[in-house]
Amino acid sequence: MKIESRLYSLEAIVKESPDWHFNIPIYQRLYVWGEDQVLTLLNDLVNAYERDEDIFFLGGTLLVEQAGGRGRHFDLIDGQQRFTTLWLLCHAWREALTPFLATTTDDKRVEPRLRFAIRSEVNSFLETMVFGGQGRAVPDDEATKRMRIALDLMRSVFEKRPLPAGVTNLQAHLRELTEFVFGRVKFVITTVPRETDLNKLFEVINNRGVQLQHHEILKARMLDALNEVERGPYAVLWDACADMEN
């Protein structure tokens, strides 16, 4: 089994050919970061930029490569919350980080690099961000609530903290900050082949966070046996039951 680990920036991911696409599998939780976690990351990023650090290490991300259409397709197994936060940040600071938001296939069709399995409402929200709306209403539901809160915090970051001494041009400051995020924020991406035994993999990941419970792994296996149309109502019911347990 071939396992590869490499240090990546957003800039390096964008330059990968063929294009990379990321899927949050059915057994992963929705985006759950709260205000404190988002603000902590934002302040850490801005502080690192203002200190002109060579690199800001964001941690590790574990991917399992899957068969797909054009480009390379990965299930995001570990590091989802940080990775999704970075994706949202690209949208919030859109002008300089647009290349990471979407990818253009050979037939000129643009699609988001990030999607959630069986979460149609979340995918609709992500697509609306990438496509700029195009006349569609932005989904406003519980599944995307924390994403919308995170975006608001990211857009107002300099309303909550002063500019450093001697800096008067906010737009130039923000542009340089986005360049820092694009090129110097890095994380270790570990990729494993799709024939990997995920049951064994789950035993050794997420040690610093909340462990996946047995009912969540069972949920993944059951939902995987259903087609996409059938999954929706079952996923909602299972999430409700899991929330009651927690």
C-alpha atoms as a PDB file:
ATOM      1  CA  MET A   1       0.000   0.000   0.000  1.00  0.00           C
ATOM      2  CA  LYS A   2       1.465   3.328  -1.083  1.00  0.00           C
ATOM      3  CA  ILE A   3       1.094   6.193   1.380  1.00  0.00           C
ATOM      4  CA  GLU A   4       2.435   9.625   0.482  1.00  0.00           C
ATOM      5  CA  SER A   5       2.874  12.711   2.686  1.00  0.00           C
ATOM      6  CA  ARG A   6       3.806  16.124   1.374  1.00  0.00           C
ATOM      7  CA  LEU A   7       3.712  19.728   2.548  1.00  0.00           C
ATOM      8  CA  TYR A   8       1.213  21.769   0.520  1.00  0.00           C
ATOM      9  CA  SER A   9       0.062  25.354   0.285  1.00  0.00           C
ATOM     10  CA  LEU A  10      -3.150  26.459  -1.421  1.00  0.00           C
ATOM     11  CA  GLU A  11      -0.988  27.710  -4.257  1.00  0.00           C
ATOM     12  CA  ALA A  12       0.549  24.251  -4.676  1.00  0.00           C
ATOM     13  CA  ILE A  13      -2.881  22.569  -4.701  1.00  0.00           C
ATOM     14  CA  VAL A  14      -4.139  24.940  -7.392  1.00  0.00           C
ATOM     15  CA  LYS A  15      -1.107  24.138  -9.551  1.00  0.00           C
ATOM     16  CA  GLU A  16      -1.729  20.387  -9.375  1.00  0.00           C
ATOM     17  CA  SER A  17      -2.636  18.882 -12.733  1.00  0.00           C
ATOM     18  CA  PRO A  18      -5.093  17.265 -13.162  1.00  0.00           C
ATOM     19  CA  ASP A  19      -7.267  19.345 -10.838  1.00  0.00           C
ATOM     20  CA  TRP A  20      -7.960  18.134  -7.326  1.00  0.00           C
ATOM     21  CA  HIS A  21     -11.484  17.765  -5.920  1.00  0.00           C
ATOM     22  CA  PHE A  22     -12.374  17.126  -2.266  1.00  0.00           C
ATOM     23  CA  ASN A  23     -15.375  15.262  -0.895  1.00  0.00           C
ATOM     24  CA  ILE A  24     -16.533  15.131   2.735  1.00  0.00           C
ATOM     25  CA  PRO A  25     -17.750  11.519   3.096  1.00  0.00           C
ATOM     26  CA  ILE A  26     -21.146  10.533   4.459  1.00  0.00           C
ATOM     27  CA  TYR A  27     -19.743   9.459   7.843  1.00  0.00           C
ATOM     28  CA  GLN A  28     -18.162  12.860   8.559  1.00  0.00           C
ATOM     29  CA  ARG A  29     -19.892  15.520  10.606  1.00  0.00           C
ATOM     30  CA  LEU A  30     -21.086  18.815   9.222  1.00  0.00           C
ATOM     31  CA  TYR A  31     -18.994  21.936   9.728  1.00  0.00           C
ATOM     32  CA  VAL A  32     -19.047  22.533  13.494  1.00  0.00           C
ATOM     33  CA  TRP A  33     -16.410  25.171  14.228  1.00  0.00           C
ATOM     34  CA  GLY A  34     -17.727  27.970  16.422  1.00  0.00           C
ATOM     35  CA  GLU A  35     -16.817  31.633  16.718  1.00  0.00           C
ATOM     36  CA  ASP A  36     -13.938  31.061  19.164  1.00  0.00           C
ATOM     37  CA  GLN A  37     -12.216  28.527  16.907  1.00  0.00           C
ATOM     38  CA  VAL A  38     -12.633  30.642  13.771  1.00  0.00           C
ATOM     39  CA  LEU A  39     -11.442  33.835  15.484  1.00  0.00           C
ATOM     40  CA  THR A  40      -8.449  32.018  16.965  1.00  0.00           C
ATOM     41  CA  LEU A  41      -7.377  30.833  13.513  1.00  0.00           C
ATOM     42  CA  LEU A  42      -7.942  34.277  11.974  1.00  0.00           C
ATOM     43  CA  ASN A  43      -5.907  36.024  14.658  1.00  0.00           C
ATOM     44  CA  ASP A  44      -3.125  33.440  14.365  1.00  0.00           C
ATOM     45  CA  LEU A  45      -3.000  33.934  10.578  1.00  0.00           C
ATOM     46  CA  VAL A  46      -2.937  37.731  10.812  1.00  0.00           C
ATOM     47  CA  ASN A  47      -0.284  37.670  13.559  1.00  0.00           C
ATOM     48  CA  ALA A  48       1.911  35.329  11.499  1.00  0.00           C
ATOM     49  CA  TYR A  49       1.528  37.574   8.450  1.00  0.00           C
ATOM     50  CA  GLU A  50       2.342  40.732  10.392  1.00  0.00           C
ATOM     51  CA  ARG A  51       5.450  39.010  11.789  1.00  0.00           C
ATOM     52  CA  ASP A  52       6.355  38.069   8.203  1.00  0.00           C
ATOM     53  CA  GLU A  53       6.797  34.401   9.104  1.00  0.00           C
ATOM     54  CA  ASP A  54       8.132  32.118   6.380  1.00  0.00           C
ATOM     55  CA  ILE A  55       5.466  29.493   7.013  1.00  0.00           C
ATOM     56  CA  PHE A  56       2.292  29.045   9.018  1.00  0.00           C
ATOM     57  CA  PHE A  57       1.764  25.344   9.681  1.00  0.00           C
ATOM     58  CA  LEU A  58      -1.930  24.423   9.792  1.00  0.00           C
ATOM     59  CA  GLY A  59      -1.611  20.756  10.695  1.00  0.00           C
ATOM     60  CA  GLY A  60      -2.297  17.578   8.795  1.00  0.00           C
ATOM     61  CA  THR A  61      -4.967  16.421   6.364  1.00  0.00           C
ATOM     62  CA  LEU A  62      -5.656  12.818   5.431  1.00  0.00           C
ATOM     63  CA  LEU A  63      -7.085  11.976   2.006  1.00  0.00           C
ATOM     64  CA  VAL A  64      -8.233   8.718   0.440  1.00  0.00           C
ATOM     65  CA  GLU A  65      -8.120   8.832  -3.342  1.00  0.00           C
ATOM     66  CA  GLN A  66     -11.282   7.674  -5.085  1.00  0.00           C
ATOM     67  CA  ALA A  67     -12.254   6.949  -8.649  1.00  0.00           C
ATOM     68  CA  GLY A  68     -13.911   9.925 -10.269  1.00  0.00           C
ATOM     69  CA  GLY A  69     -14.453  11.844 -13.476  1.00  0.00           C
ATOM     70  CA  ARG A  70     -11.975  14.392 -14.660  1.00  0.00           C
ATOM     71  CA  GLY A  71      -9.221  15.351 -12.301  1.00  0.00           C
ATOM     72  CA  ARG A  72      -8.279  13.598  -9.072  1.00  0.00           C
ATOM     73  CA  HIS A  73     -10.929  12.982  -6.421  1.00  0.00           C
ATOM     74  CA  PHE A  74     -10.255  12.560  -2.715  1.00  0.00           C
ATOM     75  CA  ASP A  75     -12.350  11.747   0.342  1.00  0.00           C
ATOM     76  CA  LEU A  76     -11.267  14.034   3.181  1.00  0.00           C
ATOM     77  CA  ILE A  77     -10.923  11.685   6.158  1.00  0.00           C
ATOM     78  CA  ASP A  78      -9.128  13.841   8.727  1.00  0.00           C
ATOM     79  CA  GLY A  79      -8.633  17.586   9.038  1.00  0.00           C
ATOM     80  CA  GLN A  80     -12.058  18.433   7.610  1.00  0.00           C
ATOM     81  CA  GLN A  81     -12.822  21.354   9.948  1.00  0.00           C
ATOM     82  CA  ARG A  82      -9.533  23.186   9.292  1.00  0.00           C
ATOM     83  CA  PHE A  83      -9.672  22.455   5.574  1.00  0.00           C
ATOM     84  CA  THR A  84     -13.281  23.650   5.238  1.00  0.00           C
ATOM     85  CA  THR A  85     -12.425  26.778   7.240  1.00  0.00           C
ATOM     86  CA  LEU A  86      -9.618  27.542   4.819  1.00  0.00           C
ATOM     87  CA  TRP A  87     -11.983  27.018   1.879  1.00  0.00           C
ATOM     88  CA  LEU A  88     -14.481  29.426   3.438  1.00  0.00           C
ATOM     89  CA  LEU A  89     -11.676  31.910   4.010  1.00  0.00           C
ATOM     90  CA  CYS A  90     -10.888  31.776   0.310  1.00  0.00           C
ATOM     91  CA  HIS A  91     -14.446  32.838  -0.376  1.00  0.00           C
ATOM     92  CA  ALA A  92     -14.467  35.559   2.271  1.00  0.00           C
ATOM     93  CA  TRP A  93     -11.268  37.025   0.854  1.00  0.00           C
ATOM     94  CA  ARG A  94     -12.327  36.142  -2.643  1.00  0.00           C
ATOM     95  CA  GLU A  95     -10.433  38.539  -4.891  1.00  0.00           C
ATOM     96  CA  ALA A  96      -6.954  37.135  -4.268  1.00  0.00           C
ATOM     97  CA  LEU A  97      -7.895  33.541  -3.486  1.00  0.00           C
ATOM     98  CA  THR A  98     -10.465  32.794  -6.212  1.00  0.00           C
ATOM     99  CA  PRO A  99      -8.248  30.140  -7.929  1.00  0.00           C
ATOM    100  CA  PHE A 100      -8.734  27.796  -4.980  1.00  0.00           C
ATOM    101  CA  LEU A 101     -12.522  28.108  -4.924  1.00  0.00           C
ATOM    102  CA  ALA A 102     -13.347  26.375  -8.179  1.00  0.00           C
ATOM    103  CA  THR A 103     -11.791  24.432 -10.959  1.00  0.00           C
ATOM    104  CA  THR A 104     -12.463  24.584 -14.698  1.00  0.00           C
ATOM    105  CA  THR A 105     -12.688  21.300 -16.567  1.00  0.00           C
ATOM    106  CA  ASP A 106     -11.823  20.801 -20.224  1.00  0.00           C
ATOM    107  CA  ASP A 107     -15.391  21.608 -21.290  1.00  0.00           C
ATOM    108  CA  LYS A 108     -15.187  24.952 -19.450  1.00  0.00           C
ATOM    109  CA  ARG A 109     -17.658  23.852 -16.766  1.00  0.00           C
ATOM    110  CA  VAL A 110     -16.779  25.402 -13.411  1.00  0.00           C
ATOM    111  CA  GLU A 111     -17.468  23.427 -10.254  1.00  0.00           C
ATOM    112  CA  PRO A 112     -16.517  23.786  -6.584  1.00  0.00           C
ATOM    113  CA  ARG A 113     -13.459  21.910  -5.425  1.00  0.00           C
ATOM    114  CA  LEU A 114     -15.227  21.008  -2.176  1.00  0.00           C
ATOM    115  CA  ARG A 115     -18.481  19.078  -1.704  1.00  0.00           C
ATOM    116  CA  PHE A 116     -20.284  17.147   1.020  1.00  0.00           C
ATOM    117  CA  ALA A 117     -21.664  13.667   0.281  1.00  0.00           C
ATOM    118  CA  ILE A 118     -25.489  13.443   0.615  1.00  0.00           C
ATOM    119  CA  ARG A 119     -25.649  17.041   1.910  1.00  0.00           C
ATOM    120  CA  SER A 120     -27.514  18.695  -0.936  1.00  0.00           C
ATOM    121  CA  GLU A 121     -28.303  21.821   1.075  1.00  0.00           C
ATOM    122  CA  VAL A 122     -24.628  22.326   1.927  1.00  0.00           C
ATOM    123  CA  ASN A 123     -23.535  21.712  -1.656  1.00  0.00           C
ATOM    124  CA  SER A 124     -26.111  24.205  -2.875  1.00  0.00           C
ATOM    125  CA  PHE A 125     -24.675  26.749  -0.446  1.00  0.00           C
ATOM    126  CA  LEU A 126     -21.104  26.101  -1.637  1.00  0.00           C
ATOM    127  CA  GLU A 127     -22.138  26.334  -5.284  1.00  0.00           C
ATOM    128  CA  THR A 128     -23.904  29.636  -4.629  1.00  0.00           C
ATOM    129  CA  MET A 129     -20.700  31.028  -3.119  1.00  0.00           C
ATOM    130  CA  VAL A 130     -18.590  29.897  -6.080  1.00  0.00           C
ATOM    131  CA  PHE A 131     -20.990  31.031  -8.781  1.00  0.00           C
ATOM    132  CA  GLY A 132     -21.801  34.317  -7.099  1.00  0.00           C
ATOM    133  CA  GLY A 133     -25.497  33.524  -6.842  1.00  0.00           C
ATOM    134  CA  GLN A 134     -26.470  33.927 -10.515  1.00  0.00           C
ATOM    135  CA  GLY A 135     -30.015  34.774  -9.475  1.00  0.00           C
ATOM    136  CA  ARG A 136     -30.291  31.947  -6.932  1.00  0.00           C
ATOM    137  CA  ALA A 137     -31.140  32.595  -3.292  1.00  0.00           C
ATOM    138  CA  VAL A 138     -28.397  31.756  -0.789  1.00  0.00           C
ATOM    139  CA  PRO A 139     -29.527  28.690   1.190  1.00  0.00           C
ATOM    140  CA  ASP A 140     -30.343  29.660   4.766  1.00  0.00           C
ATOM    141  CA  ASP A 141     -30.768  26.549   6.915  1.00  0.00           C
ATOM    142  CA  GLU A 142     -29.401  24.875  10.009  1.00  0.00           C
ATOM    143  CA  ALA A 143     -26.904  22.749   8.056  1.00  0.00           C
ATOM    144  CA  THR A 144     -25.034  25.848   6.846  1.00  0.00           C
ATOM    145  CA  LYS A 145     -25.533  28.078   9.886  1.00  0.00           C
ATOM    146  CA  ARG A 146     -21.994  27.735  11.238  1.00  0.00           C
ATOM    147  CA  MET A 147     -20.524  28.268   7.773  1.00  0.00           C
ATOM    148  CA  ARG A 148     -22.427  31.535   7.435  1.00  0.00           C
ATOM    149  CA  ILE A 149     -21.282  32.680  10.878  1.00  0.00           C
ATOM    150  CA  ALA A 150     -17.667  31.845   9.993  1.00  0.00           C
ATOM    151  CA  LEU A 151     -17.919  33.823   6.746  1.00  0.00           C
ATOM    152  CA  ASP A 152     -19.230  36.879   8.579  1.00  0.00           C
ATOM    153  CA  LEU A 153     -16.332  36.702  11.034  1.00  0.00           C
ATOM    154  CA  MET A 154     -13.804  36.382   8.221  1.00  0.00           C
ATOM    155  CA  ARG A 155     -15.205  39.350   6.304  1.00  0.00           C
ATOM    156  CA  SER A 156     -15.130  41.579   9.378  1.00  0.00           C
ATOM    157  CA  VAL A 157     -11.768  40.517  10.765  1.00  0.00           C
ATOM    158  CA  PHE A 158     -10.291  44.038  10.663  1.00  0.00           C
ATOM    159  CA  GLU A 159     -13.377  45.522  12.264  1.00  0.00           C
ATOM    160  CA  LYS A 160     -12.499  43.489  15.353  1.00  0.00           C
ATOM    161  CA  ARG A 161      -8.779  44.243  15.505  1.00  0.00           C
ATOM    162  CA  PRO A 162      -6.712  47.371  14.795  1.00  0.00           C
ATOM    163  CA  LEU A 163      -4.313  47.711  11.897  1.00  0.00           C
ATOM    164  CA  PRO A 164      -0.633  47.528  12.856  1.00  0.00           C
ATOM    165  CA  ALA A 165       1.274  50.738  13.449  1.00  0.00           C
ATOM    166  CA  GLY A 166       2.156  52.538  10.242  1.00  0.00           C
ATOM    167  CA  VAL A 167      -0.427  50.742   8.080  1.00  0.00           C
ATOM    168  CA  THR A 168      -3.059  53.052   6.616  1.00  0.00           C
ATOM    169  CA  ASN A 169      -4.195  51.279   3.450  1.00  0.00           C
ATOM    170  CA  LEU A 170      -6.612  48.547   4.533  1.00  0.00           C
ATOM    171  CA  GLN A 171      -7.127  47.149   1.025  1.00  0.00           C
ATOM    172  CA  ALA A 172      -3.406  46.771   0.374  1.00  0.00           C
ATOM    173  CA  HIS A 173      -2.977  45.187   3.793  1.00  0.00           C
ATOM    174  CA  LEU A 174      -5.750  42.679   3.098  1.00  0.00           C
ATOM    175  CA  ARG A 175      -4.375  41.898  -0.368  1.00  0.00           C
ATOM    176  CA  GLU A 176      -0.935  41.121   1.054  1.00  0.00           C
ATOM    177  CA  LEU A 177      -2.528  39.032   3.800  1.00  0.00           C
ATOM    178  CA  THR A 178      -4.371  36.906   1.247  1.00  0.00           C
ATOM    179  CA  GLU A 179      -1.130  36.387  -0.654  1.00  0.00           C
ATOM    180  CA  PHE A 180       0.419  35.188   2.611  1.00  0.00           C
ATOM    181  CA  VAL A 181      -2.463  32.729   3.145  1.00  0.00           C
ATOM    182  CA  PHE A 182      -2.250  31.504  -0.432  1.00  0.00           C
ATOM    183  CA  GLY A 183       1.481  30.886  -0.453  1.00  0.00           C
ATOM    184  CA  ARG A 184       2.769  30.445   3.090  1.00  0.00           C
ATOM    185  CA  VAL A 185      -0.024  28.703   4.989  1.00  0.00           C
ATOM    186  CA  LYS A 186       0.862  25.044   4.634  1.00  0.00           C
ATOM    187  CA  PHE A 187      -0.350  21.682   5.847  1.00  0.00           C
ATOM    188  CA  VAL A 188       0.827  18.116   5.447  1.00  0.00           C
ATOM    189  CA  ILE A 189      -1.421  16.202   3.079  1.00  0.00           C
ATOM    190  CA  THR A 190      -1.212  12.431   3.424  1.00  0.00           C
ATOM    191  CA  THR A 191      -2.858  10.427   0.647  1.00  0.00           C
ATOM    192  CA  VAL A 192      -3.674   6.732   0.839  1.00  0.00           C
ATOM    193  CA  PRO A 193      -5.098   4.500  -1.919  1.00  0.00           C
ATOM    194  CA  ARG A 194      -8.818   3.726  -2.076  1.00  0.00           C
ATOM    195  CA  GLU A 195      -8.306   0.059  -1.201  1.00  0.00           C
ATOM    196  CA  THR A 196      -7.180   1.116   2.295  1.00  0.00           C
ATOM    197  CA  ASP A 197      -8.986  -0.597   5.189  1.00  0.00           C
ATOM    198  CA  LEU A 198     -10.804   2.418   6.632  1.00  0.00           C
ATOM    199  CA  ASN A 199     -11.844   0.548   9.771  1.00  0.00           C
ATOM    200  CA  LYS A 200      -8.188   0.225  10.759  1.00  0.00           C
ATOM    201  CA  LEU A 201      -7.519   3.769   9.637  1.00  0.00           C
ATOM    202  CA  PHE A 202     -10.224   5.122  11.935  1.00  0.00           C
ATOM    203  CA  GLU A 203      -8.525   3.502  14.902  1.00  0.00           C
ATOM    204  CA  VAL A 204      -5.435   5.670  14.571  1.00  0.00           C
ATOM    205  CA  ILE A 205      -6.805   9.062  13.450  1.00  0.00           C
ATOM    206  CA  ASN A 206      -8.614  11.874  15.246  1.00  0.00           C
ATOM    207  CA  ASN A 207      -6.719  11.214  18.484  1.00  0.00           C
ATOM    208  CA  ARG A 208      -6.651  14.945  19.216  1.00  0.00           C
ATOM    209  CA  GLY A 209     -10.357  15.417  18.498  1.00  0.00           C
ATOM    210  CA  VAL A 210     -13.688  13.665  18.912  1.00  0.00           C
ATOM    211  CA  GLN A 211     -13.509  10.002  18.019  1.00  0.00           C
ATOM    212  CA  LEU A 212     -15.948   8.600  15.505  1.00  0.00           C
ATOM    213  CA  GLN A 213     -18.461   6.496  17.406  1.00  0.00           C
ATOM    214  CA  HIS A 214     -19.541   2.988  16.413  1.00  0.00           C
ATOM    215  CA  HIS A 215     -22.981   4.245  15.399  1.00  0.00           C
ATOM    216  CA  GLU A 216     -21.345   6.754  13.036  1.00  0.00           C
ATOM    217  CA  ILE A 217     -19.303   4.074  11.275  1.00  0.00           C
ATOM    218  CA  LEU A 218     -22.443   1.912  11.076  1.00  0.00           C
ATOM    219  CA  LYS A 219     -24.293   4.889   9.607  1.00  0.00           C
ATOM    220  CA  ALA A 220     -21.644   5.222   6.902  1.00  0.00           C
ATOM    221  CA  ARG A 221     -21.924   1.588   5.917  1.00  0.00           C
ATOM    222  CA  MET A 222     -25.739   1.659   5.834  1.00  0.00           C
ATOM    223  CA  LEU A 223     -25.979   4.904   3.868  1.00  0.00           C
ATOM    224  CA  ASP A 224     -23.366   3.699   1.438  1.00  0.00           C
ATOM    225  CA  ALA A 225     -25.708   0.870   0.459  1.00  0.00           C
ATOM    226  CA  LEU A 226     -28.446   3.344  -0.546  1.00  0.00           C
ATOM    227  CA  ASN A 227     -28.645   5.372  -3.716  1.00  0.00           C
ATOM    228  CA  GLU A 228     -28.385   9.165  -3.557  1.00  0.00           C
ATOM    229  CA  VAL A 229     -32.156   9.762  -3.607  1.00  0.00           C
ATOM    230  CA  GLU A 230     -32.744   7.296  -0.777  1.00  0.00           C
ATOM    231  CA  ARG A 231     -29.954   8.664   1.414  1.00  0.00           C
ATOM    232  CA  GLY A 232     -31.450  12.087   2.113  1.00  0.00           C
ATOM    233  CA  PRO A 233     -34.289  11.280   4.544  1.00  0.00           C
ATOM    234  CA  TYR A 234     -32.323   8.510   6.243  1.00  0.00           C
ATOM    235  CA  ALA A 235     -29.385  10.856   6.839  1.00  0.00           C
ATOM    236  CA  VAL A 236     -31.654  13.458   8.440  1.00  0.00           C
ATOM    237  CA  LEU A 237     -33.235  10.850  10.722  1.00  0.00           C
ATOM    238  CA  TRP A 238     -29.861   9.416  11.736  1.00  0.00           C
ATOM    239  CA  ASP A 239     -28.412  12.865  12.475  1.00  0.00           C
ATOM    240  CA  ALA A 240     -31.373  13.637  14.717  1.00  0.00           C
ATOM    241  CA  CYS A 241     -30.894  10.397  16.656  1.00  0.00           C
ATOM    242  CA  ALA A 242     -27.140  10.973  16.987  1.00  0.00           C
ATOM    243  CA  ASP A 243     -27.728  14.506  18.315  1.00  0.00           C
ATOM    244  CA  MET A 244     -30.027  13.079  20.998  1.00  0.00           C
ATOM    245  CA  GLU A 245     -27.314  10.648  22.062  1.00  0.00           C
ATOM    246  CA  ASN A 246     -24.700  13.393  22.270  1.00  0.00           C
END
